[in-house]
Amino acid sequence: MKKFFSSPVGTFLITAIGSLIVGVLNYSVRWQKRDHHNFTEFKNAAIKPIIIVWHDQLFAFPIILGLGSPGSCLCSSHSDGRYLGKIIGWFGFHTVWGSSNRKPAAALRAMAREINNGRIATMTPDGPRGPSHVMAMGPIALAQLTGAPIIPVAWRAKSQWRAKSWDKMRFMKPFTSTSMIYGKPIFLEKKKGNEALEIQRQQVENALNELNEQLDREVGL
């Protein structure tokens, strides 16, 4: 069975079914996008933004940018990441293979090329293995390299499932109400030195956590 799933036919079936599930759940719910202008004002800018969302919320990736947006996503090259990369391709995303754990410099350069080619970078800064809601340095390094603003995004569904995974992945239930908040763009000054970059990392992590805490209070989590 494992051999079948790793075959071209098996991979196609898994990603086709996965894409169908993603589409049905994302487009059967009622989305309320708040402060969407924080994203749309930079969507067509000369330097495209870096969108960050915690790994437990990546299931809403088609909604975050919207269909037709030129998005590129950083995905791990392990088996689960490979399936995810192929699924996001069904929604028009480019896939950049890499992570903060394996050849991070190469992944960073590849994402920088995507931004320079006019595409929006999307990252889950606590992936692919966690710890959950602890941001790695990837978005900071990418912003330093490209000058792109970082836009934190968070969402919650009134009714949802949670996976029994390290990140407790969120899945919205059909026909529920969902809220998505786009944080203010964060422009980082050019800095050198671990201490200065760590301050920036904490600044961006705090901004993303504040959005999540706001939504948790609103939905009573």
N, C-alpha and C. Protein backbone atom coordinates (compact mmCIF):
# COMPACT_ATOMS: atom_id res chain seq x y z
N MET A 1 0.82 -1.20 0.00
CA MET A 1 0.00 0.00 0.00
C MET A 1 0.86 1.26 0.00
N LYS A 2 1.93 1.25 0.79
CA LYS A 2 2.83 2.40 0.85
C LYS A 2 3.46 2.65 -0.52
N LYS A 3 3.81 1.56 -1.21
CA LYS A 3 4.39 1.69 -2.55
C LYS A 3 3.40 2.33 -3.51
N PHE A 4 2.11 1.96 -3.39
CA PHE A 4 1.09 2.53 -4.25
C PHE A 4 0.95 4.04 -4.02
N PHE A 5 0.88 4.43 -2.73
CA PHE A 5 0.69 5.84 -2.41
C PHE A 5 1.86 6.70 -2.86
N SER A 6 3.06 6.11 -2.95
CA SER A 6 4.22 6.87 -3.40
C SER A 6 4.38 6.85 -4.92
N SER A 7 3.53 6.06 -5.59
CA SER A 7 3.58 6.00 -7.05
C SER A 7 2.91 7.24 -7.64
N PRO A 8 3.15 7.55 -8.93
CA PRO A 8 2.49 8.70 -9.55
C PRO A 8 0.97 8.65 -9.47
N VAL A 9 0.39 7.44 -9.69
CA VAL A 9 -1.07 7.32 -9.62
C VAL A 9 -1.55 7.55 -8.19
N GLY A 10 -0.89 6.95 -7.22
CA GLY A 10 -1.29 7.11 -5.83
C GLY A 10 -1.15 8.55 -5.37
N THR A 11 -0.05 9.19 -5.75
CA THR A 11 0.15 10.60 -5.38
C THR A 11 -0.92 11.48 -5.98
N PHE A 12 -1.27 11.20 -7.25
CA PHE A 12 -2.32 12.00 -7.90
C PHE A 12 -3.65 11.84 -7.16
N LEU A 13 -4.00 10.61 -6.80
CA LEU A 13 -5.28 10.38 -6.12
C LEU A 13 -5.31 11.08 -4.76
N ILE A 14 -4.21 10.97 -4.01
CA ILE A 14 -4.17 11.60 -2.69
C ILE A 14 -4.30 13.11 -2.80
N THR A 15 -3.55 13.70 -3.72
CA THR A 15 -3.59 15.16 -3.84
C THR A 15 -4.91 15.64 -4.44
N ALA A 16 -5.50 14.86 -5.33
CA ALA A 16 -6.80 15.24 -5.89
C ALA A 16 -7.88 15.22 -4.81
N ILE A 17 -7.89 14.16 -4.00
CA ILE A 17 -8.87 14.07 -2.91
C ILE A 17 -8.61 15.15 -1.87
N GLY A 18 -7.33 15.35 -1.54
CA GLY A 18 -6.98 16.40 -0.58
C GLY A 18 -7.42 17.77 -1.05
N SER A 19 -7.21 18.05 -2.33
CA SER A 19 -7.61 19.35 -2.89
C SER A 19 -9.12 19.53 -2.85
N LEU A 20 -9.85 18.44 -3.11
CA LEU A 20 -11.31 18.51 -3.05
C LEU A 20 -11.78 18.83 -1.64
N ILE A 21 -11.18 18.18 -0.64
CA ILE A 21 -11.56 18.43 0.75
C ILE A 21 -11.24 19.88 1.14
N VAL A 22 -10.05 20.33 0.76
CA VAL A 22 -9.66 21.72 1.06
C VAL A 22 -10.65 22.69 0.44
N GLY A 23 -11.00 22.46 -0.82
CA GLY A 23 -11.91 23.36 -1.51
C GLY A 23 -13.30 23.37 -0.90
N VAL A 24 -13.84 22.18 -0.61
CA VAL A 24 -15.20 22.09 -0.07
C VAL A 24 -15.27 22.79 1.29
N LEU A 25 -14.32 22.52 2.17
CA LEU A 25 -14.38 23.10 3.51
C LEU A 25 -14.15 24.62 3.47
N ASN A 26 -13.19 25.06 2.67
CA ASN A 26 -12.89 26.49 2.64
C ASN A 26 -14.00 27.31 2.00
N TYR A 27 -14.66 26.75 0.99
CA TYR A 27 -15.63 27.54 0.25
C TYR A 27 -17.08 27.23 0.63
N SER A 28 -17.28 26.40 1.64
CA SER A 28 -18.63 26.15 2.13
C SER A 28 -18.94 26.96 3.38
N VAL A 29 -17.95 27.69 3.89
CA VAL A 29 -18.15 28.47 5.12
C VAL A 29 -18.31 29.95 4.78
N ARG A 30 -18.75 30.72 5.76
CA ARG A 30 -18.94 32.16 5.60
C ARG A 30 -17.73 32.87 6.19
N TRP A 31 -16.94 33.48 5.33
CA TRP A 31 -15.72 34.15 5.76
C TRP A 31 -15.98 35.64 5.99
N GLN A 32 -15.50 36.11 7.13
CA GLN A 32 -15.46 37.55 7.40
C GLN A 32 -13.99 37.96 7.44
N LYS A 33 -13.57 38.72 6.43
CA LYS A 33 -12.18 39.17 6.37
C LYS A 33 -12.10 40.58 6.97
N ARG A 34 -11.29 40.70 7.98
CA ARG A 34 -11.16 41.97 8.69
C ARG A 34 -9.78 42.58 8.44
N ASP A 35 -9.79 43.91 8.27
CA ASP A 35 -8.56 44.64 7.97
C ASP A 35 -7.87 44.06 6.72
N HIS A 36 -8.70 43.66 5.78
CA HIS A 36 -8.17 43.06 4.55
C HIS A 36 -7.30 44.04 3.77
N HIS A 37 -7.57 45.34 3.99
CA HIS A 37 -6.79 46.37 3.28
C HIS A 37 -5.30 46.30 3.62
N ASN A 38 -4.99 45.75 4.81
CA ASN A 38 -3.58 45.62 5.18
C ASN A 38 -2.82 44.74 4.19
N PHE A 39 -3.56 43.84 3.55
CA PHE A 39 -2.98 42.98 2.52
C PHE A 39 -3.15 43.55 1.13
N THR A 40 -4.37 43.98 0.80
CA THR A 40 -4.65 44.40 -0.57
C THR A 40 -3.85 45.63 -0.98
N GLU A 41 -3.51 46.50 -0.02
CA GLU A 41 -2.72 47.69 -0.36
C GLU A 41 -1.31 47.33 -0.85
N PHE A 42 -0.85 46.13 -0.47
CA PHE A 42 0.50 45.72 -0.87
C PHE A 42 0.49 44.57 -1.88
N LYS A 43 -0.71 44.08 -2.20
CA LYS A 43 -0.82 42.94 -3.11
C LYS A 43 -0.22 43.24 -4.47
N ASN A 44 -0.38 44.48 -4.93
CA ASN A 44 0.11 44.85 -6.26
C ASN A 44 1.31 45.78 -6.18
N ALA A 45 1.94 45.85 -5.02
CA ALA A 45 3.11 46.71 -4.86
C ALA A 45 4.30 46.12 -5.62
N ALA A 46 5.31 46.95 -5.84
CA ALA A 46 6.51 46.49 -6.56
C ALA A 46 7.19 45.36 -5.82
N ILE A 47 7.26 45.49 -4.49
CA ILE A 47 7.82 44.42 -3.65
C ILE A 47 6.65 43.75 -2.94
N LYS A 48 6.40 42.51 -3.29
CA LYS A 48 5.27 41.78 -2.72
C LYS A 48 5.52 41.44 -1.25
N PRO A 49 4.46 41.30 -0.45
CA PRO A 49 4.63 41.05 0.98
C PRO A 49 4.94 39.59 1.31
N ILE A 50 5.32 39.39 2.56
CA ILE A 50 5.52 38.06 3.13
C ILE A 50 4.35 37.80 4.08
N ILE A 51 3.54 36.80 3.78
CA ILE A 51 2.39 36.45 4.62
C ILE A 51 2.81 35.34 5.57
N ILE A 52 2.56 35.53 6.86
CA ILE A 52 2.87 34.48 7.83
C ILE A 52 1.61 34.07 8.58
N VAL A 53 1.46 32.79 8.81
CA VAL A 53 0.34 32.23 9.56
C VAL A 53 0.86 31.01 10.30
N TRP A 54 0.39 30.79 11.51
CA TRP A 54 0.86 29.63 12.26
C TRP A 54 0.48 28.34 11.54
N HIS A 55 1.29 27.31 11.75
CA HIS A 55 1.14 26.05 11.03
C HIS A 55 -0.23 25.40 11.26
N ASP A 56 -0.82 25.59 12.42
CA ASP A 56 -2.12 24.98 12.71
C ASP A 56 -3.24 25.59 11.88
N GLN A 57 -2.96 26.69 11.16
CA GLN A 57 -3.98 27.39 10.38
C GLN A 57 -3.71 27.38 8.88
N LEU A 58 -2.77 26.56 8.44
CA LEU A 58 -2.41 26.58 7.01
C LEU A 58 -3.51 26.02 6.12
N PHE A 59 -4.50 25.34 6.71
CA PHE A 59 -5.56 24.73 5.90
C PHE A 59 -6.36 25.79 5.13
N ALA A 60 -6.32 27.05 5.59
CA ALA A 60 -7.09 28.12 4.94
C ALA A 60 -6.27 28.86 3.89
N PHE A 61 -5.19 28.25 3.41
CA PHE A 61 -4.30 28.97 2.48
C PHE A 61 -5.02 29.49 1.23
N PRO A 62 -6.06 28.82 0.66
CA PRO A 62 -6.68 29.40 -0.54
C PRO A 62 -7.39 30.72 -0.25
N ILE A 63 -7.85 30.89 1.00
CA ILE A 63 -8.62 32.07 1.37
C ILE A 63 -7.70 33.23 1.72
N ILE A 64 -6.56 32.94 2.31
CA ILE A 64 -5.66 33.99 2.80
C ILE A 64 -5.26 34.94 1.68
N LEU A 65 -4.82 34.41 0.55
CA LEU A 65 -4.44 35.25 -0.58
C LEU A 65 -5.61 35.48 -1.54
N GLY A 66 -6.49 34.52 -1.66
CA GLY A 66 -7.56 34.59 -2.64
C GLY A 66 -7.11 33.96 -3.95
N LEU A 67 -8.02 33.32 -4.63
CA LEU A 67 -7.69 32.66 -5.89
C LEU A 67 -7.21 33.68 -6.91
N GLY A 68 -6.22 33.30 -7.67
CA GLY A 68 -5.68 34.18 -8.69
C GLY A 68 -4.52 35.03 -8.23
N SER A 69 -4.26 35.05 -6.92
CA SER A 69 -3.12 35.81 -6.42
C SER A 69 -1.83 35.05 -6.69
N PRO A 70 -0.76 35.76 -7.05
CA PRO A 70 0.50 35.08 -7.36
C PRO A 70 1.26 34.69 -6.09
N GLY A 71 0.88 33.58 -5.48
CA GLY A 71 1.47 33.17 -4.22
C GLY A 71 2.48 32.05 -4.37
N SER A 72 3.49 32.07 -3.51
CA SER A 72 4.48 31.00 -3.43
C SER A 72 4.59 30.57 -1.98
N CYS A 73 4.64 29.28 -1.76
CA CYS A 73 4.62 28.74 -0.40
C CYS A 73 5.86 27.89 -0.16
N LEU A 74 6.45 28.05 1.00
CA LEU A 74 7.59 27.24 1.40
C LEU A 74 7.08 25.95 2.03
N CYS A 75 7.45 24.81 1.46
CA CYS A 75 6.99 23.51 1.93
C CYS A 75 8.17 22.60 2.22
N SER A 76 8.04 21.81 3.25
CA SER A 76 9.06 20.83 3.58
C SER A 76 9.12 19.75 2.50
N SER A 77 10.31 19.22 2.28
CA SER A 77 10.48 18.20 1.24
C SER A 77 10.21 16.79 1.74
N HIS A 78 9.82 16.61 3.02
CA HIS A 78 9.48 15.27 3.47
C HIS A 78 8.13 14.86 2.88
N SER A 79 7.71 13.63 3.10
CA SER A 79 6.55 13.09 2.37
C SER A 79 5.28 13.90 2.57
N ASP A 80 4.97 14.29 3.82
CA ASP A 80 3.76 15.07 4.06
C ASP A 80 3.83 16.41 3.35
N GLY A 81 5.02 17.03 3.39
CA GLY A 81 5.20 18.30 2.72
C GLY A 81 5.05 18.17 1.21
N ARG A 82 5.49 17.04 0.67
CA ARG A 82 5.35 16.82 -0.78
C ARG A 82 3.89 16.79 -1.19
N TYR A 83 3.08 16.09 -0.40
CA TYR A 83 1.64 16.05 -0.70
C TYR A 83 1.05 17.46 -0.60
N LEU A 84 1.42 18.20 0.46
CA LEU A 84 0.90 19.55 0.64
C LEU A 84 1.30 20.44 -0.53
N GLY A 85 2.56 20.33 -0.96
CA GLY A 85 3.02 21.14 -2.07
C GLY A 85 2.22 20.90 -3.34
N LYS A 86 1.88 19.64 -3.59
CA LYS A 86 1.09 19.32 -4.78
C LYS A 86 -0.36 19.80 -4.63
N ILE A 87 -0.89 19.75 -3.40
CA ILE A 87 -2.25 20.22 -3.17
C ILE A 87 -2.35 21.71 -3.41
N ILE A 88 -1.40 22.48 -2.87
CA ILE A 88 -1.49 23.93 -3.05
C ILE A 88 -1.32 24.31 -4.52
N GLY A 89 -0.65 23.44 -5.28
CA GLY A 89 -0.52 23.70 -6.71
C GLY A 89 -1.86 23.71 -7.43
N TRP A 90 -2.81 22.94 -6.93
CA TRP A 90 -4.15 22.92 -7.52
C TRP A 90 -4.84 24.28 -7.37
N PHE A 91 -4.39 25.09 -6.41
CA PHE A 91 -5.00 26.39 -6.17
C PHE A 91 -4.15 27.54 -6.70
N GLY A 92 -3.17 27.22 -7.53
CA GLY A 92 -2.41 28.24 -8.22
C GLY A 92 -1.14 28.71 -7.53
N PHE A 93 -0.76 28.05 -6.42
CA PHE A 93 0.46 28.44 -5.72
C PHE A 93 1.69 27.79 -6.36
N HIS A 94 2.80 28.49 -6.31
CA HIS A 94 4.09 27.88 -6.58
C HIS A 94 4.61 27.25 -5.29
N THR A 95 5.35 26.18 -5.41
CA THR A 95 5.94 25.52 -4.25
C THR A 95 7.45 25.70 -4.26
N VAL A 96 7.97 26.13 -3.12
CA VAL A 96 9.41 26.20 -2.92
C VAL A 96 9.75 25.14 -1.88
N TRP A 97 10.63 24.21 -2.24
CA TRP A 97 10.94 23.10 -1.35
C TRP A 97 12.08 23.49 -0.40
N GLY A 98 11.86 23.26 0.88
CA GLY A 98 12.88 23.56 1.87
C GLY A 98 12.24 23.85 3.21
N SER A 99 13.03 24.10 4.22
CA SER A 99 12.53 24.41 5.55
C SER A 99 13.64 25.04 6.36
N SER A 100 13.29 25.44 7.59
CA SER A 100 14.29 26.00 8.49
C SER A 100 15.22 24.94 9.04
N ASN A 101 14.87 23.66 8.80
CA ASN A 101 15.67 22.56 9.34
C ASN A 101 16.65 21.99 8.32
N ARG A 102 16.28 22.02 7.04
CA ARG A 102 17.10 21.40 6.01
C ARG A 102 17.45 22.44 4.94
N LYS A 103 18.73 22.73 4.78
CA LYS A 103 19.22 23.68 3.80
C LYS A 103 18.44 24.99 3.84
N PRO A 104 18.41 25.65 5.00
CA PRO A 104 17.62 26.88 5.13
C PRO A 104 18.10 28.00 4.22
N ALA A 105 19.42 28.10 3.99
CA ALA A 105 19.94 29.18 3.15
C ALA A 105 19.43 29.04 1.72
N ALA A 106 19.40 27.82 1.20
CA ALA A 106 18.91 27.59 -0.17
C ALA A 106 17.42 27.92 -0.27
N ALA A 107 16.65 27.52 0.76
CA ALA A 107 15.22 27.82 0.76
C ALA A 107 14.98 29.33 0.82
N LEU A 108 15.79 30.02 1.60
CA LEU A 108 15.66 31.47 1.73
C LEU A 108 15.94 32.15 0.39
N ARG A 109 16.99 31.74 -0.28
CA ARG A 109 17.31 32.34 -1.58
C ARG A 109 16.20 32.07 -2.60
N ALA A 110 15.64 30.87 -2.54
CA ALA A 110 14.57 30.52 -3.48
C ALA A 110 13.33 31.38 -3.23
N MET A 111 12.99 31.59 -1.97
CA MET A 111 11.83 32.43 -1.65
C MET A 111 12.10 33.88 -2.04
N ALA A 112 13.33 34.34 -1.87
CA ALA A 112 13.67 35.70 -2.28
C ALA A 112 13.48 35.86 -3.79
N ARG A 113 13.86 34.84 -4.56
CA ARG A 113 13.66 34.90 -6.02
C ARG A 113 12.17 34.99 -6.37
N GLU A 114 11.34 34.28 -5.59
CA GLU A 114 9.90 34.35 -5.84
C GLU A 114 9.38 35.77 -5.65
N ILE A 115 9.82 36.42 -4.57
CA ILE A 115 9.40 37.81 -4.32
C ILE A 115 9.92 38.72 -5.43
N ASN A 116 11.17 38.54 -5.82
CA ASN A 116 11.75 39.37 -6.88
C ASN A 116 11.07 39.15 -8.22
N ASN A 117 10.44 37.98 -8.37
CA ASN A 117 9.70 37.69 -9.61
C ASN A 117 8.23 38.09 -9.51
N GLY A 118 7.88 38.84 -8.46
CA GLY A 118 6.53 39.39 -8.36
C GLY A 118 5.52 38.48 -7.71
N ARG A 119 5.96 37.54 -6.87
CA ARG A 119 5.04 36.64 -6.21
C ARG A 119 5.02 36.91 -4.70
N ILE A 120 3.88 36.62 -4.08
CA ILE A 120 3.69 36.83 -2.65
C ILE A 120 4.21 35.60 -1.90
N ALA A 121 5.07 35.81 -0.95
CA ALA A 121 5.62 34.69 -0.17
C ALA A 121 4.68 34.35 0.98
N THR A 122 4.40 33.07 1.18
CA THR A 122 3.60 32.62 2.32
C THR A 122 4.42 31.61 3.11
N MET A 123 4.40 31.77 4.43
CA MET A 123 5.23 30.93 5.29
C MET A 123 4.48 30.58 6.57
N THR A 124 4.71 29.37 7.06
CA THR A 124 4.27 28.98 8.41
C THR A 124 5.53 28.94 9.27
N PRO A 125 5.81 29.99 10.02
CA PRO A 125 7.13 30.15 10.65
C PRO A 125 7.41 29.23 11.82
N ASP A 126 6.41 28.42 12.23
CA ASP A 126 6.69 27.42 13.26
C ASP A 126 6.74 26.01 12.68
N GLY A 127 6.66 25.89 11.36
CA GLY A 127 6.72 24.58 10.72
C GLY A 127 8.13 24.25 10.27
N PRO A 128 8.35 23.00 9.82
CA PRO A 128 7.35 21.95 9.68
C PRO A 128 7.16 21.07 10.91
N ARG A 129 7.99 21.27 11.95
CA ARG A 129 7.94 20.37 13.10
C ARG A 129 7.74 21.06 14.45
N GLY A 130 7.61 22.37 14.44
CA GLY A 130 7.41 23.07 15.70
C GLY A 130 8.69 23.49 16.36
N PRO A 131 8.63 23.94 17.60
CA PRO A 131 7.46 23.95 18.49
C PRO A 131 6.37 24.91 18.01
N SER A 132 5.13 24.56 18.34
CA SER A 132 3.99 25.31 17.88
C SER A 132 4.01 26.73 18.41
N HIS A 133 3.70 27.67 17.51
CA HIS A 133 3.58 29.10 17.84
C HIS A 133 4.88 29.70 18.36
N VAL A 134 6.00 29.15 17.93
CA VAL A 134 7.31 29.73 18.18
C VAL A 134 7.94 29.99 16.83
N MET A 135 8.18 31.24 16.51
CA MET A 135 8.60 31.60 15.17
C MET A 135 10.08 31.38 14.95
N ALA A 136 10.39 30.71 13.86
CA ALA A 136 11.78 30.58 13.44
C ALA A 136 12.23 31.88 12.78
N MET A 137 13.49 31.95 12.44
CA MET A 137 14.06 33.20 11.93
C MET A 137 13.79 33.42 10.44
N GLY A 138 13.17 32.44 9.77
CA GLY A 138 12.99 32.53 8.33
C GLY A 138 12.36 33.81 7.82
N PRO A 139 11.19 34.23 8.33
CA PRO A 139 10.57 35.46 7.81
C PRO A 139 11.44 36.70 8.02
N ILE A 140 12.16 36.74 9.14
CA ILE A 140 13.03 37.89 9.41
C ILE A 140 14.15 37.94 8.38
N ALA A 141 14.78 36.79 8.16
CA ALA A 141 15.87 36.74 7.19
C ALA A 141 15.38 37.09 5.79
N LEU A 142 14.18 36.64 5.43
CA LEU A 142 13.64 36.92 4.10
C LEU A 142 13.33 38.41 3.96
N ALA A 143 12.78 39.02 5.01
CA ALA A 143 12.49 40.46 4.97
C ALA A 143 13.78 41.27 4.88
N GLN A 144 14.82 40.83 5.60
CA GLN A 144 16.10 41.52 5.53
C GLN A 144 16.69 41.45 4.13
N LEU A 145 16.50 40.32 3.48
CA LEU A 145 17.10 40.09 2.16
C LEU A 145 16.36 40.84 1.05
N THR A 146 15.04 40.98 1.19
CA THR A 146 14.22 41.52 0.11
C THR A 146 13.66 42.92 0.37
N GLY A 147 13.56 43.31 1.63
CA GLY A 147 12.90 44.56 1.97
C GLY A 147 11.39 44.46 1.98
N ALA A 148 10.85 43.24 1.87
CA ALA A 148 9.40 43.04 1.83
C ALA A 148 8.79 43.20 3.22
N PRO A 149 7.58 43.75 3.31
CA PRO A 149 6.89 43.82 4.60
C PRO A 149 6.34 42.45 4.99
N ILE A 150 6.24 42.22 6.28
CA ILE A 150 5.66 40.99 6.81
C ILE A 150 4.24 41.28 7.28
N ILE A 151 3.28 40.49 6.82
CA ILE A 151 1.88 40.67 7.21
C ILE A 151 1.42 39.41 7.95
N PRO A 152 1.16 39.51 9.27
CA PRO A 152 0.65 38.36 10.01
C PRO A 152 -0.84 38.16 9.75
N VAL A 153 -1.27 36.91 9.70
CA VAL A 153 -2.68 36.57 9.44
C VAL A 153 -3.10 35.47 10.39
N ALA A 154 -4.34 35.56 10.87
CA ALA A 154 -4.89 34.52 11.75
C ALA A 154 -6.36 34.32 11.43
N TRP A 155 -6.87 33.13 11.69
CA TRP A 155 -8.29 32.87 11.48
C TRP A 155 -8.82 31.92 12.54
N ARG A 156 -10.14 31.98 12.75
CA ARG A 156 -10.84 31.06 13.64
C ARG A 156 -12.20 30.73 13.06
N ALA A 157 -12.65 29.51 13.31
CA ALA A 157 -14.00 29.09 12.93
C ALA A 157 -14.81 28.84 14.19
N LYS A 158 -16.09 29.21 14.17
CA LYS A 158 -16.94 28.96 15.34
C LYS A 158 -17.10 27.48 15.61
N SER A 159 -17.11 26.67 14.54
CA SER A 159 -17.13 25.20 14.68
C SER A 159 -15.95 24.65 13.90
N GLN A 160 -15.14 23.82 14.55
CA GLN A 160 -13.95 23.32 13.90
C GLN A 160 -13.55 21.96 14.46
N TRP A 161 -12.73 21.27 13.69
CA TRP A 161 -12.07 20.06 14.16
C TRP A 161 -10.62 20.41 14.45
N ARG A 162 -10.00 19.65 15.37
CA ARG A 162 -8.57 19.80 15.64
C ARG A 162 -7.91 18.43 15.49
N ALA A 163 -6.82 18.40 14.75
CA ALA A 163 -6.10 17.15 14.53
C ALA A 163 -5.28 16.79 15.77
N LYS A 164 -4.96 15.51 15.90
CA LYS A 164 -4.11 15.05 16.99
C LYS A 164 -2.65 15.04 16.54
N SER A 165 -2.22 16.19 16.07
CA SER A 165 -0.86 16.35 15.57
C SER A 165 -0.12 17.32 16.48
N TRP A 166 1.19 17.51 16.22
CA TRP A 166 1.98 18.38 17.09
C TRP A 166 1.44 19.80 17.11
N ASP A 167 0.82 20.24 16.00
CA ASP A 167 0.31 21.61 15.94
C ASP A 167 -1.19 21.71 16.20
N LYS A 168 -1.87 20.55 16.35
CA LYS A 168 -3.32 20.53 16.53
C LYS A 168 -4.02 21.30 15.40
N MET A 169 -3.70 20.87 14.19
CA MET A 169 -4.20 21.51 12.98
C MET A 169 -5.70 21.79 13.06
N ARG A 170 -6.10 22.99 12.60
CA ARG A 170 -7.50 23.40 12.61
C ARG A 170 -8.16 23.11 11.25
N PHE A 171 -9.39 22.60 11.30
CA PHE A 171 -10.19 22.38 10.10
C PHE A 171 -11.57 22.97 10.36
N MET A 172 -11.99 23.89 9.54
CA MET A 172 -13.32 24.48 9.70
C MET A 172 -14.40 23.48 9.31
N LYS A 173 -15.49 23.44 10.07
CA LYS A 173 -16.61 22.57 9.72
C LYS A 173 -17.46 23.26 8.66
N PRO A 174 -18.09 22.48 7.78
CA PRO A 174 -18.89 23.09 6.70
C PRO A 174 -19.98 24.00 7.24
N PHE A 175 -20.18 25.12 6.54
CA PHE A 175 -21.28 26.06 6.77
C PHE A 175 -21.17 26.83 8.09
N THR A 176 -20.03 26.77 8.74
CA THR A 176 -19.85 27.56 9.95
C THR A 176 -19.45 28.98 9.59
N SER A 177 -19.35 29.84 10.59
CA SER A 177 -18.87 31.21 10.40
C SER A 177 -17.39 31.27 10.77
N THR A 178 -16.62 31.97 9.97
CA THR A 178 -15.18 32.07 10.21
C THR A 178 -14.73 33.52 10.09
N SER A 179 -13.74 33.86 10.90
CA SER A 179 -13.17 35.20 10.87
C SER A 179 -11.69 35.11 10.55
N MET A 180 -11.22 36.02 9.72
CA MET A 180 -9.81 36.11 9.38
C MET A 180 -9.36 37.55 9.56
N ILE A 181 -8.25 37.74 10.26
CA ILE A 181 -7.71 39.08 10.50
C ILE A 181 -6.35 39.21 9.83
N TYR A 182 -6.16 40.33 9.14
CA TYR A 182 -4.88 40.66 8.54
C TYR A 182 -4.23 41.75 9.39
N GLY A 183 -3.08 41.44 9.94
CA GLY A 183 -2.38 42.40 10.77
C GLY A 183 -1.74 43.51 9.96
N LYS A 184 -1.29 44.55 10.65
CA LYS A 184 -0.63 45.66 9.99
C LYS A 184 0.71 45.20 9.41
N PRO A 185 1.07 45.66 8.24
CA PRO A 185 2.37 45.30 7.65
C PRO A 185 3.51 45.75 8.57
N ILE A 186 4.49 44.88 8.72
CA ILE A 186 5.65 45.15 9.56
C ILE A 186 6.87 45.33 8.66
N PHE A 187 7.41 46.54 8.67
CA PHE A 187 8.62 46.82 7.91
C PHE A 187 9.81 46.77 8.87
N LEU A 188 10.77 45.95 8.56
CA LEU A 188 11.93 45.77 9.43
C LEU A 188 13.13 46.53 8.89
N GLU A 189 13.81 47.23 9.78
CA GLU A 189 15.04 47.92 9.39
C GLU A 189 16.13 46.89 9.13
N LYS A 190 17.05 47.27 8.26
CA LYS A 190 18.20 46.41 8.01
C LYS A 190 19.05 46.33 9.27
N LYS A 191 19.25 45.12 9.74
CA LYS A 191 20.01 44.92 10.97
C LYS A 191 21.04 43.82 10.77
N LYS A 192 22.08 43.85 11.58
CA LYS A 192 23.07 42.80 11.64
C LYS A 192 23.29 42.43 13.10
N GLY A 193 23.66 41.19 13.32
CA GLY A 193 23.91 40.74 14.67
C GLY A 193 22.74 39.95 15.23
N ASN A 194 23.04 38.89 15.93
CA ASN A 194 22.01 37.99 16.44
C ASN A 194 21.05 38.69 17.40
N GLU A 195 21.57 39.57 18.23
CA GLU A 195 20.72 40.23 19.23
C GLU A 195 19.68 41.12 18.56
N ALA A 196 20.10 41.92 17.58
CA ALA A 196 19.17 42.81 16.90
C ALA A 196 18.13 42.03 16.11
N LEU A 197 18.53 40.95 15.47
CA LEU A 197 17.59 40.13 14.70
C LEU A 197 16.62 39.40 15.62
N GLU A 198 17.08 39.00 16.79
CA GLU A 198 16.20 38.33 17.74
C GLU A 198 15.12 39.28 18.24
N ILE A 199 15.46 40.55 18.42
CA ILE A 199 14.46 41.54 18.82
C ILE A 199 13.38 41.66 17.74
N GLN A 200 13.80 41.65 16.49
CA GLN A 200 12.83 41.71 15.40
C GLN A 200 11.98 40.44 15.35
N ARG A 201 12.61 39.30 15.58
CA ARG A 201 11.87 38.04 15.59
C ARG A 201 10.78 38.07 16.65
N GLN A 202 11.11 38.54 17.84
CA GLN A 202 10.13 38.62 18.91
C GLN A 202 9.01 39.61 18.58
N GLN A 203 9.37 40.71 17.92
CA GLN A 203 8.37 41.70 17.52
C GLN A 203 7.33 41.08 16.59
N VAL A 204 7.79 40.35 15.58
CA VAL A 204 6.87 39.75 14.61
C VAL A 204 6.08 38.61 15.26
N GLU A 205 6.74 37.79 16.06
CA GLU A 205 6.04 36.71 16.76
C GLU A 205 4.94 37.26 17.65
N ASN A 206 5.23 38.34 18.37
CA ASN A 206 4.22 38.95 19.25
C ASN A 206 3.04 39.47 18.45
N ALA A 207 3.31 40.07 17.29
CA ALA A 207 2.22 40.59 16.47
C ALA A 207 1.29 39.48 16.00
N LEU A 208 1.87 38.35 15.60
CA LEU A 208 1.06 37.21 15.16
C LEU A 208 0.29 36.61 16.32
N ASN A 209 0.91 36.50 17.47
CA ASN A 209 0.23 35.95 18.64
C ASN A 209 -0.90 36.85 19.11
N GLU A 210 -0.72 38.16 19.00
CA GLU A 210 -1.78 39.08 19.41
C GLU A 210 -3.03 38.91 18.57
N LEU A 211 -2.87 38.69 17.27
CA LEU A 211 -4.03 38.43 16.41
C LEU A 211 -4.75 37.17 16.85
N ASN A 212 -3.97 36.12 17.13
CA ASN A 212 -4.57 34.85 17.55
C ASN A 212 -5.28 34.97 18.90
N GLU A 213 -4.68 35.69 19.82
CA GLU A 213 -5.29 35.87 21.14
C GLU A 213 -6.59 36.68 21.02
N GLN A 214 -6.62 37.66 20.13
CA GLN A 214 -7.83 38.44 19.91
C GLN A 214 -8.96 37.55 19.41
N LEU A 215 -8.65 36.69 18.44
CA LEU A 215 -9.68 35.79 17.92
C LEU A 215 -10.12 34.77 18.95
N ASP A 216 -9.18 34.27 19.76
CA ASP A 216 -9.55 33.32 20.80
C ASP A 216 -10.55 33.94 21.77
N ARG A 217 -10.34 35.20 22.14
CA ARG A 217 -11.26 35.87 23.05
C ARG A 217 -12.65 36.04 22.40
N GLU A 218 -12.64 36.34 21.12
CA GLU A 218 -13.90 36.61 20.44
C GLU A 218 -14.76 35.36 20.28
N VAL A 219 -14.14 34.23 20.03
CA VAL A 219 -14.91 32.99 19.84
C VAL A 219 -15.01 32.17 21.12
N GLY A 220 -14.40 32.66 22.19
CA GLY A 220 -14.54 32.01 23.48
C GLY A 220 -13.66 30.79 23.67
N LEU A 221 -12.48 30.78 23.05
CA LEU A 221 -11.57 29.64 23.20
C LEU A 221 -10.64 29.86 24.38
